[in-house]
Amino acid sequence: MSYRYITLNVADQVATLTLNRPEVHNAFDDVMIGELLDAFDTIEQHQDCRMVVLASTGRNFSAGADLGWMRSMADKNYDENIADAKQLAQLMERLDQLSKPTLALVQGAAFGGAVGLAACCDIVLAEERSSFCLSEVKIGLIPAVISPYVMRAMGTRQARRYMLTAERFAAPEALQMGLVHEIVSDFDSALERYRDTLLSNSPAAVTAAKQLIADLDQQPIDAPHQRLTIERIAEIRVSSEGQEGLSAFLEKRSPNWKKDSQ
């Protein structure tokens, strides 16, 4: 499928999903959200894809919600705004719950909902010049549907400050808070490094680990959740990839999912 505001390329087991509206700093509207949701479905169904890269063209990662789109929402009634917000919430949820590892490349500015996109990814790389802002309160709005993901990524204490002040914060601050995992000088070499690392791991185990993290996140460490962890490790140990991984380790060879073993 051809898209208007994004591009999707799958090659060498990596799906690269690129926001492509540089003329408006990759601001998203209902069209882009619909295209991203469609792309997520395509990625999930692509058997050869084992990793997802979220990137963008131009100087900035994304300015967040498109101002023209938000202006049109002001002319719609409550029920229409509910439907619109549900679509954005679905976007965040689908990105957060993709079964494949996700990596965001954040160049320049990430404002508003774009912070939510980053927070939903498993790994976030930024440049030294990158900056972030939860800017919604400046225009009388709130970072509502992205808030659970942002608060989880940067912590409630920091979110309380930046969601209320709408201050702009730099990549080193984002790194310290946990929103960003690494500041890099060259996206290409860093991406190659993460690609080699992620693709050397068991695909089934990576997917199972993502699901385990989702199931345990913010949950009390009680008997039911301990039981869940016990059951999950038992399931992966007896799976085909679990057996292959253990055998390969003991036999001092590469597991069959690694390219160099084929």
C-alpha atoms as a PDB file:
ATOM      1  CA  MET A   1       0.000   0.000   0.000  1.00  0.00           C
ATOM      2  CA  SER A   2       1.242   3.487  -0.838  1.00  0.00           C
ATOM      3  CA  TYR A   3       1.022   6.115   1.878  1.00  0.00           C
ATOM      4  CA  ARG A   4       0.713   9.878   1.776  1.00  0.00           C
ATOM      5  CA  TYR A   5       2.545  10.881   4.946  1.00  0.00           C
ATOM      6  CA  ILE A   6       4.712   7.894   5.857  1.00  0.00           C
ATOM      7  CA  THR A   7       6.942   5.334   4.169  1.00  0.00           C
ATOM      8  CA  LEU A   8       7.407   1.689   5.114  1.00  0.00           C
ATOM      9  CA  ASN A   9      10.364  -0.364   3.990  1.00  0.00           C
ATOM     10  CA  VAL A  10      11.140  -3.916   5.093  1.00  0.00           C
ATOM     11  CA  ALA A  11      14.620  -5.209   4.296  1.00  0.00           C
ATOM     12  CA  ASP A  12      17.071  -7.560   5.979  1.00  0.00           C
ATOM     13  CA  GLN A  13      14.556  -8.388   8.730  1.00  0.00           C
ATOM     14  CA  VAL A  14      14.140  -4.717   9.708  1.00  0.00           C
ATOM     15  CA  ALA A  15      10.994  -2.652   9.093  1.00  0.00           C
ATOM     16  CA  THR A  16      11.782   1.058   8.810  1.00  0.00           C
ATOM     17  CA  LEU A  17       8.715   3.215   9.340  1.00  0.00           C
ATOM     18  CA  THR A  18       9.396   6.851   8.470  1.00  0.00           C
ATOM     19  CA  LEU A  19       7.279   9.923   9.185  1.00  0.00           C
ATOM     20  CA  ASN A  20       7.452  11.900   5.959  1.00  0.00           C
ATOM     21  CA  ARG A  21       5.912  15.373   6.348  1.00  0.00           C
ATOM     22  CA  PRO A  22       9.076  17.460   6.767  1.00  0.00           C
ATOM     23  CA  GLU A  23       7.341  20.612   5.525  1.00  0.00           C
ATOM     24  CA  VAL A  24       5.309  20.637   8.788  1.00  0.00           C
ATOM     25  CA  HIS A  25       7.989  19.007  10.932  1.00  0.00           C
ATOM     26  CA  ASN A  26       6.241  15.609  10.662  1.00  0.00           C
ATOM     27  CA  ALA A  27       3.177  16.785  12.569  1.00  0.00           C
ATOM     28  CA  PHE A  28       0.521  14.089  12.558  1.00  0.00           C
ATOM     29  CA  ASP A  29      -3.170  14.262  11.815  1.00  0.00           C
ATOM     30  CA  ASP A  30      -5.942  11.708  11.379  1.00  0.00           C
ATOM     31  CA  VAL A  31      -4.555  10.688   7.971  1.00  0.00           C
ATOM     32  CA  MET A  32      -1.070   9.947   9.288  1.00  0.00           C
ATOM     33  CA  ILE A  33      -2.487   8.158  12.326  1.00  0.00           C
ATOM     34  CA  GLY A  34      -4.568   5.917  10.075  1.00  0.00           C
ATOM     35  CA  GLU A  35      -1.546   5.186   7.895  1.00  0.00           C
ATOM     36  CA  LEU A  36       0.598   4.323  10.913  1.00  0.00           C
ATOM     37  CA  LEU A  37      -2.065   1.950  12.224  1.00  0.00           C
ATOM     38  CA  ASP A  38      -2.207   0.238   8.835  1.00  0.00           C
ATOM     39  CA  ALA A  39       1.590  -0.006   8.749  1.00  0.00           C
ATOM     40  CA  PHE A  40       1.655  -1.575  12.225  1.00  0.00           C
ATOM     41  CA  ASP A  41      -0.747  -4.262  11.008  1.00  0.00           C
ATOM     42  CA  THR A  42       1.465  -4.919   7.985  1.00  0.00           C
ATOM     43  CA  ILE A  43       4.554  -5.166  10.169  1.00  0.00           C
ATOM     44  CA  GLU A  44       2.941  -7.610  12.578  1.00  0.00           C
ATOM     45  CA  GLN A  45       1.920  -9.870   9.712  1.00  0.00           C
ATOM     46  CA  HIS A  46       5.335  -9.726   8.020  1.00  0.00           C
ATOM     47  CA  GLN A  47       7.034 -12.981   8.944  1.00  0.00           C
ATOM     48  CA  ASP A  48      10.501 -11.819   7.868  1.00  0.00           C
ATOM     49  CA  CYS A  49      10.401  -8.701  10.062  1.00  0.00           C
ATOM     50  CA  ARG A  50      12.139  -8.989  13.432  1.00  0.00           C
ATOM     51  CA  MET A  51      12.762  -5.339  14.353  1.00  0.00           C
ATOM     52  CA  VAL A  52      11.028  -1.996  13.790  1.00  0.00           C
ATOM     53  CA  VAL A  53      12.742   1.370  13.390  1.00  0.00           C
ATOM     54  CA  LEU A  54      10.636   4.518  13.784  1.00  0.00           C
ATOM     55  CA  ALA A  55      12.342   7.401  12.011  1.00  0.00           C
ATOM     56  CA  SER A  56      11.448  10.674  10.306  1.00  0.00           C
ATOM     57  CA  THR A  57      12.651  12.937   7.526  1.00  0.00           C
ATOM     58  CA  GLY A  58      13.804  16.518   7.879  1.00  0.00           C
ATOM     59  CA  ARG A  59      15.326  18.445  10.726  1.00  0.00           C
ATOM     60  CA  ASN A  60      12.863  17.421  13.457  1.00  0.00           C
ATOM     61  CA  PHE A  61      11.422  14.107  14.594  1.00  0.00           C
ATOM     62  CA  SER A  62       7.876  15.426  14.981  1.00  0.00           C
ATOM     63  CA  ALA A  63       6.076  18.564  16.120  1.00  0.00           C
ATOM     64  CA  GLY A  64       3.276  16.431  17.550  1.00  0.00           C
ATOM     65  CA  ALA A  65      -0.327  16.981  16.526  1.00  0.00           C
ATOM     66  CA  ASP A  66      -0.955  19.062  13.431  1.00  0.00           C
ATOM     67  CA  LEU A  67      -2.347  22.493  14.375  1.00  0.00           C
ATOM     68  CA  GLY A  68      -4.847  22.508  11.527  1.00  0.00           C
ATOM     69  CA  TRP A  69      -6.141  19.114  12.590  1.00  0.00           C
ATOM     70  CA  MET A  70      -6.457  20.249  16.212  1.00  0.00           C
ATOM     71  CA  ARG A  71      -8.235  23.393  15.075  1.00  0.00           C
ATOM     72  CA  SER A  72     -10.787  21.267  13.237  1.00  0.00           C
ATOM     73  CA  MET A  73     -11.392  19.297  16.424  1.00  0.00           C
ATOM     74  CA  ALA A  74     -12.486  22.485  18.157  1.00  0.00           C
ATOM     75  CA  ASP A  75     -15.386  22.695  15.700  1.00  0.00           C
ATOM     76  CA  LYS A  76     -16.549  19.154  16.403  1.00  0.00           C
ATOM     77  CA  ASN A  77     -18.810  17.977  19.189  1.00  0.00           C
ATOM     78  CA  TYR A  78     -17.908  15.906  22.229  1.00  0.00           C
ATOM     79  CA  ASP A  79     -18.697  12.525  20.635  1.00  0.00           C
ATOM     80  CA  GLU A  80     -16.624  13.360  17.560  1.00  0.00           C
ATOM     81  CA  ASN A  81     -13.724  14.364  19.787  1.00  0.00           C
ATOM     82  CA  ILE A  82     -14.071  11.099  21.719  1.00  0.00           C
ATOM     83  CA  ALA A  83     -13.800   9.142  18.444  1.00  0.00           C
ATOM     84  CA  ASP A  84     -10.772  11.183  17.402  1.00  0.00           C
ATOM     85  CA  ALA A  85      -8.997  10.683  20.733  1.00  0.00           C
ATOM     86  CA  LYS A  86      -9.713   6.951  20.564  1.00  0.00           C
ATOM     87  CA  GLN A  87      -7.824   6.723  17.285  1.00  0.00           C
ATOM     88  CA  LEU A  88      -4.781   8.450  18.785  1.00  0.00           C
ATOM     89  CA  ALA A  89      -4.991   6.211  21.861  1.00  0.00           C
ATOM     90  CA  GLN A  90      -5.127   3.188  19.577  1.00  0.00           C
ATOM     91  CA  LEU A  91      -1.991   4.405  17.796  1.00  0.00           C
ATOM     92  CA  MET A  92      -0.046   4.621  21.050  1.00  0.00           C
ATOM     93  CA  GLU A  93      -1.343   1.270  22.254  1.00  0.00           C
ATOM     94  CA  ARG A  94      -0.491  -0.520  19.008  1.00  0.00           C
ATOM     95  CA  LEU A  95       3.043   0.883  18.947  1.00  0.00           C
ATOM     96  CA  ASP A  96       3.528   0.050  22.611  1.00  0.00           C
ATOM     97  CA  GLN A  97       2.289  -3.509  22.124  1.00  0.00           C
ATOM     98  CA  LEU A  98       4.026  -4.453  18.872  1.00  0.00           C
ATOM     99  CA  SER A  99       5.447  -7.940  19.321  1.00  0.00           C
ATOM    100  CA  LYS A 100       8.728  -6.978  17.644  1.00  0.00           C
ATOM    101  CA  PRO A 101      11.367  -4.761  19.297  1.00  0.00           C
ATOM    102  CA  THR A 102      10.968  -1.103  18.376  1.00  0.00           C
ATOM    103  CA  LEU A 103      13.669   1.559  18.155  1.00  0.00           C
ATOM    104  CA  ALA A 104      13.024   5.287  17.698  1.00  0.00           C
ATOM    105  CA  LEU A 105      15.545   7.652  16.131  1.00  0.00           C
ATOM    106  CA  VAL A 106      14.788  11.127  17.481  1.00  0.00           C
ATOM    107  CA  GLN A 107      16.518  13.964  15.690  1.00  0.00           C
ATOM    108  CA  GLY A 108      15.805  17.590  16.484  1.00  0.00           C
ATOM    109  CA  ALA A 109      12.575  18.329  18.315  1.00  0.00           C
ATOM    110  CA  ALA A 110       9.934  15.923  19.603  1.00  0.00           C
ATOM    111  CA  PHE A 111       6.920  17.835  20.886  1.00  0.00           C
ATOM    112  CA  GLY A 112       3.585  16.816  22.375  1.00  0.00           C
ATOM    113  CA  GLY A 113       2.337  13.520  20.989  1.00  0.00           C
ATOM    114  CA  ALA A 114       5.775  12.818  19.516  1.00  0.00           C
ATOM    115  CA  VAL A 115       7.063  12.357  23.072  1.00  0.00           C
ATOM    116  CA  GLY A 116       4.353   9.732  23.379  1.00  0.00           C
ATOM    117  CA  LEU A 117       5.596   7.946  20.249  1.00  0.00           C
ATOM    118  CA  ALA A 118       9.104   7.828  21.691  1.00  0.00           C
ATOM    119  CA  ALA A 119       7.843   6.649  25.075  1.00  0.00           C
ATOM    120  CA  CYS A 120       6.012   3.746  23.410  1.00  0.00           C
ATOM    121  CA  CYS A 121       9.199   2.426  21.774  1.00  0.00           C
ATOM    122  CA  ASP A 122      11.452  -0.126  23.451  1.00  0.00           C
ATOM    123  CA  ILE A 123      14.656   1.780  22.686  1.00  0.00           C
ATOM    124  CA  VAL A 124      15.069   5.500  22.005  1.00  0.00           C
ATOM    125  CA  LEU A 125      18.203   7.028  20.489  1.00  0.00           C
ATOM    126  CA  ALA A 126      18.626  10.785  20.306  1.00  0.00           C
ATOM    127  CA  GLU A 127      21.172  13.287  19.038  1.00  0.00           C
ATOM    128  CA  GLU A 128      22.944  15.720  21.323  1.00  0.00           C
ATOM    129  CA  ARG A 129      20.842  18.535  19.846  1.00  0.00           C
ATOM    130  CA  SER A 130      17.537  16.700  20.293  1.00  0.00           C
ATOM    131  CA  SER A 131      14.945  18.280  22.545  1.00  0.00           C
ATOM    132  CA  PHE A 132      11.582  17.327  23.987  1.00  0.00           C
ATOM    133  CA  CYS A 133       8.523  19.184  25.192  1.00  0.00           C
ATOM    134  CA  LEU A 134       5.132  18.205  26.575  1.00  0.00           C
ATOM    135  CA  SER A 135       3.708  21.416  25.223  1.00  0.00           C
ATOM    136  CA  GLU A 136      -0.040  20.796  25.433  1.00  0.00           C
ATOM    137  CA  VAL A 137      -0.873  23.069  28.388  1.00  0.00           C
ATOM    138  CA  LYS A 138       0.565  26.037  26.480  1.00  0.00           C
ATOM    139  CA  ILE A 139      -2.440  25.894  24.163  1.00  0.00           C
ATOM    140  CA  GLY A 140      -5.020  24.921  26.758  1.00  0.00           C
ATOM    141  CA  LEU A 141      -4.849  21.151  26.263  1.00  0.00           C
ATOM    142  CA  ILE A 142      -3.366  18.240  28.216  1.00  0.00           C
ATOM    143  CA  PRO A 143      -1.121  15.333  27.147  1.00  0.00           C
ATOM    144  CA  ALA A 144      -3.934  12.924  27.907  1.00  0.00           C
ATOM    145  CA  VAL A 145      -3.755   9.742  25.853  1.00  0.00           C
ATOM    146  CA  ILE A 146       0.065   9.727  25.847  1.00  0.00           C
ATOM    147  CA  SER A 147       0.328  10.296  29.599  1.00  0.00           C
ATOM    148  CA  PRO A 148       0.423   6.624  30.741  1.00  0.00           C
ATOM    149  CA  TYR A 149       3.332   5.896  28.406  1.00  0.00           C
ATOM    150  CA  VAL A 150       5.197   9.124  29.163  1.00  0.00           C
ATOM    151  CA  MET A 151       4.807   8.711  32.927  1.00  0.00           C
ATOM    152  CA  ARG A 152       6.046   5.139  32.706  1.00  0.00           C
ATOM    153  CA  ALA A 153       9.057   6.180  30.625  1.00  0.00           C
ATOM    154  CA  MET A 154      10.227   9.258  32.536  1.00  0.00           C
ATOM    155  CA  GLY A 155       8.675   8.633  35.940  1.00  0.00           C
ATOM    156  CA  THR A 156       5.722  10.276  37.607  1.00  0.00           C
ATOM    157  CA  ARG A 157       7.853  12.766  39.521  1.00  0.00           C
ATOM    158  CA  GLN A 158       9.455  14.209  36.386  1.00  0.00           C
ATOM    159  CA  ALA A 159       6.205  14.003  34.416  1.00  0.00           C
ATOM    160  CA  ARG A 160       4.506  16.141  37.051  1.00  0.00           C
ATOM    161  CA  ARG A 161       6.995  18.905  36.337  1.00  0.00           C
ATOM    162  CA  TYR A 162       7.139  18.791  32.556  1.00  0.00           C
ATOM    163  CA  MET A 163       3.454  18.122  31.930  1.00  0.00           C
ATOM    164  CA  LEU A 164       2.565  21.162  34.076  1.00  0.00           C
ATOM    165  CA  THR A 165       5.279  23.590  32.968  1.00  0.00           C
ATOM    166  CA  ALA A 166       5.587  22.617  29.290  1.00  0.00           C
ATOM    167  CA  GLU A 167       9.293  23.343  29.617  1.00  0.00           C
ATOM    168  CA  ARG A 168      11.551  22.223  26.812  1.00  0.00           C
ATOM    169  CA  PHE A 169      14.190  19.750  27.959  1.00  0.00           C
ATOM    170  CA  ALA A 170      17.323  18.582  26.188  1.00  0.00           C
ATOM    171  CA  ALA A 171      18.538  15.107  25.285  1.00  0.00           C
ATOM    172  CA  PRO A 172      20.884  14.783  28.310  1.00  0.00           C
ATOM    173  CA  GLU A 173      17.935  15.479  30.628  1.00  0.00           C
ATOM    174  CA  ALA A 174      15.774  13.006  28.730  1.00  0.00           C
ATOM    175  CA  LEU A 175      18.566  10.456  29.088  1.00  0.00           C
ATOM    176  CA  GLN A 176      18.807  11.029  32.830  1.00  0.00           C
ATOM    177  CA  MET A 177      15.049  10.605  33.243  1.00  0.00           C
ATOM    178  CA  GLY A 178      14.922   7.413  31.197  1.00  0.00           C
ATOM    179  CA  LEU A 179      12.924   8.684  28.218  1.00  0.00           C
ATOM    180  CA  VAL A 180      16.049   8.322  26.047  1.00  0.00           C
ATOM    181  CA  HIS A 181      18.351   5.323  26.277  1.00  0.00           C
ATOM    182  CA  GLU A 182      21.382   6.675  24.456  1.00  0.00           C
ATOM    183  CA  ILE A 183      22.673   9.881  22.877  1.00  0.00           C
ATOM    184  CA  VAL A 184      24.570   9.139  19.677  1.00  0.00           C
ATOM    185  CA  SER A 185      26.505  11.148  17.122  1.00  0.00           C
ATOM    186  CA  ASP A 186      25.703   8.853  14.196  1.00  0.00           C
ATOM    187  CA  PHE A 187      22.324   7.183  13.837  1.00  0.00           C
ATOM    188  CA  ASP A 188      23.500   4.797  11.115  1.00  0.00           C
ATOM    189  CA  SER A 189      26.329   3.209  13.088  1.00  0.00           C
ATOM    190  CA  ALA A 190      24.232   3.055  16.262  1.00  0.00           C
ATOM    191  CA  LEU A 191      21.360   1.469  14.365  1.00  0.00           C
ATOM    192  CA  GLU A 192      23.688  -1.130  12.881  1.00  0.00           C
ATOM    193  CA  ARG A 193      24.971  -1.949  16.355  1.00  0.00           C
ATOM    194  CA  TYR A 194      21.468  -2.408  17.784  1.00  0.00           C
ATOM    195  CA  ARG A 195      20.381  -4.355  14.734  1.00  0.00           C
ATOM    196  CA  ASP A 196      23.253  -6.813  15.156  1.00  0.00           C
ATOM    197  CA  THR A 197      22.454  -7.147  18.849  1.00  0.00           C
ATOM    198  CA  LEU A 198      18.695  -7.616  18.524  1.00  0.00           C
ATOM    199  CA  LEU A 199      18.798  -9.926  15.521  1.00  0.00           C
ATOM    200  CA  SER A 200      21.314 -12.207  17.239  1.00  0.00           C
ATOM    201  CA  ASN A 201      18.709 -12.987  19.906  1.00  0.00           C
ATOM    202  CA  SER A 202      15.971 -15.595  19.720  1.00  0.00           C
ATOM    203  CA  PRO A 203      12.934 -14.090  17.932  1.00  0.00           C
ATOM    204  CA  ALA A 204      10.490 -16.069  20.062  1.00  0.00           C
ATOM    205  CA  ALA A 205      12.291 -15.160  23.273  1.00  0.00           C
ATOM    206  CA  VAL A 206      12.340 -11.445  22.390  1.00  0.00           C
ATOM    207  CA  THR A 207       8.600 -11.508  21.719  1.00  0.00           C
ATOM    208  CA  ALA A 208       7.984 -13.454  24.939  1.00  0.00           C
ATOM    209  CA  ALA A 209      10.157 -11.013  26.894  1.00  0.00           C
ATOM    210  CA  LYS A 210       8.179  -8.043  25.536  1.00  0.00           C
ATOM    211  CA  GLN A 211       4.921  -9.682  26.552  1.00  0.00           C
ATOM    212  CA  LEU A 212       6.289 -10.508  29.995  1.00  0.00           C
ATOM    213  CA  ILE A 213       7.351  -6.895  30.532  1.00  0.00           C
ATOM    214  CA  ALA A 214       3.893  -5.684  29.518  1.00  0.00           C
ATOM    215  CA  ASP A 215       2.153  -8.146  31.829  1.00  0.00           C
ATOM    216  CA  LEU A 216       4.318  -7.291  34.829  1.00  0.00           C
ATOM    217  CA  ASP A 217       4.693  -3.544  34.388  1.00  0.00           C
ATOM    218  CA  GLN A 218       3.474  -1.602  37.426  1.00  0.00           C
ATOM    219  CA  GLN A 219       2.141  -4.772  39.021  1.00  0.00           C
ATOM    220  CA  PRO A 220       2.779  -5.831  42.640  1.00  0.00           C
ATOM    221  CA  ILE A 221       5.261  -8.647  43.169  1.00  0.00           C
ATOM    222  CA  ASP A 222       2.728 -11.020  44.646  1.00  0.00           C
ATOM    223  CA  ALA A 223       2.079 -14.736  44.378  1.00  0.00           C
ATOM    224  CA  PRO A 224       0.007 -14.587  41.163  1.00  0.00           C
ATOM    225  CA  HIS A 225       2.646 -12.548  39.370  1.00  0.00           C
ATOM    226  CA  GLN A 226       5.452 -14.726  40.658  1.00  0.00           C
ATOM    227  CA  ARG A 227       3.482 -17.671  39.303  1.00  0.00           C
ATOM    228  CA  LEU A 228       3.211 -15.887  35.949  1.00  0.00           C
ATOM    229  CA  THR A 229       6.998 -15.510  35.738  1.00  0.00           C
ATOM    230  CA  ILE A 230       7.448 -19.190  36.673  1.00  0.00           C
ATOM    231  CA  GLU A 231       5.040 -20.303  33.958  1.00  0.00           C
ATOM    232  CA  ARG A 232       6.581 -18.044  31.305  1.00  0.00           C
ATOM    233  CA  ILE A 233      10.129 -19.330  31.821  1.00  0.00           C
ATOM    234  CA  ALA A 234       8.877 -22.909  31.803  1.00  0.00           C
ATOM    235  CA  GLU A 235       7.048 -22.282  28.522  1.00  0.00           C
ATOM    236  CA  ILE A 236      10.063 -20.720  26.811  1.00  0.00           C
ATOM    237  CA  ARG A 237      12.436 -23.430  28.070  1.00  0.00           C
ATOM    238  CA  VAL A 238      10.443 -26.200  26.429  1.00  0.00           C
ATOM    239  CA  SER A 239       9.785 -24.234  23.211  1.00  0.00           C
ATOM    240  CA  SER A 240      11.694 -25.065  20.031  1.00  0.00           C
ATOM    241  CA  GLU A 241      13.827 -21.913  20.181  1.00  0.00           C
ATOM    242  CA  GLY A 242      14.405 -22.353  23.899  1.00  0.00           C
ATOM    243  CA  GLN A 243      15.688 -25.869  23.291  1.00  0.00           C
ATOM    244  CA  GLU A 244      17.793 -24.740  20.350  1.00  0.00           C
ATOM    245  CA  GLY A 245      19.298 -21.848  22.308  1.00  0.00           C
ATOM    246  CA  LEU A 246      20.294 -24.034  25.243  1.00  0.00           C
ATOM    247  CA  SER A 247      21.686 -26.723  22.942  1.00  0.00           C
ATOM    248  CA  ALA A 248      23.689 -24.180  20.946  1.00  0.00           C
ATOM    249  CA  PHE A 249      25.105 -22.678  24.132  1.00  0.00           C
ATOM    250  CA  LEU A 250      26.160 -26.057  25.489  1.00  0.00           C
ATOM    251  CA  GLU A 251      27.557 -27.143  22.143  1.00  0.00           C
ATOM    252  CA  LYS A 252      29.404 -23.818  21.695  1.00  0.00           C
ATOM    253  CA  ARG A 253      27.826 -23.042  18.332  1.00  0.00           C
ATOM    254  CA  SER A 254      25.566 -20.344  16.929  1.00  0.00           C
ATOM    255  CA  PRO A 255      21.814 -20.937  17.292  1.00  0.00           C
ATOM    256  CA  ASN A 256      19.901 -21.546  14.080  1.00  0.00           C
ATOM    257  CA  TRP A 257      18.210 -18.139  14.094  1.00  0.00           C
ATOM    258  CA  LYS A 258      21.523 -16.324  13.597  1.00  0.00           C
ATOM    259  CA  LYS A 259      22.463 -15.621  10.017  1.00  0.00           C
ATOM    260  CA  ASP A 260      26.052 -16.765  10.450  1.00  0.00           C
ATOM    261  CA  SER A 261      24.817 -20.267  11.326  1.00  0.00           C
ATOM    262  CA  GLN A 262      22.893 -20.659   8.078  1.00  0.00           C
END
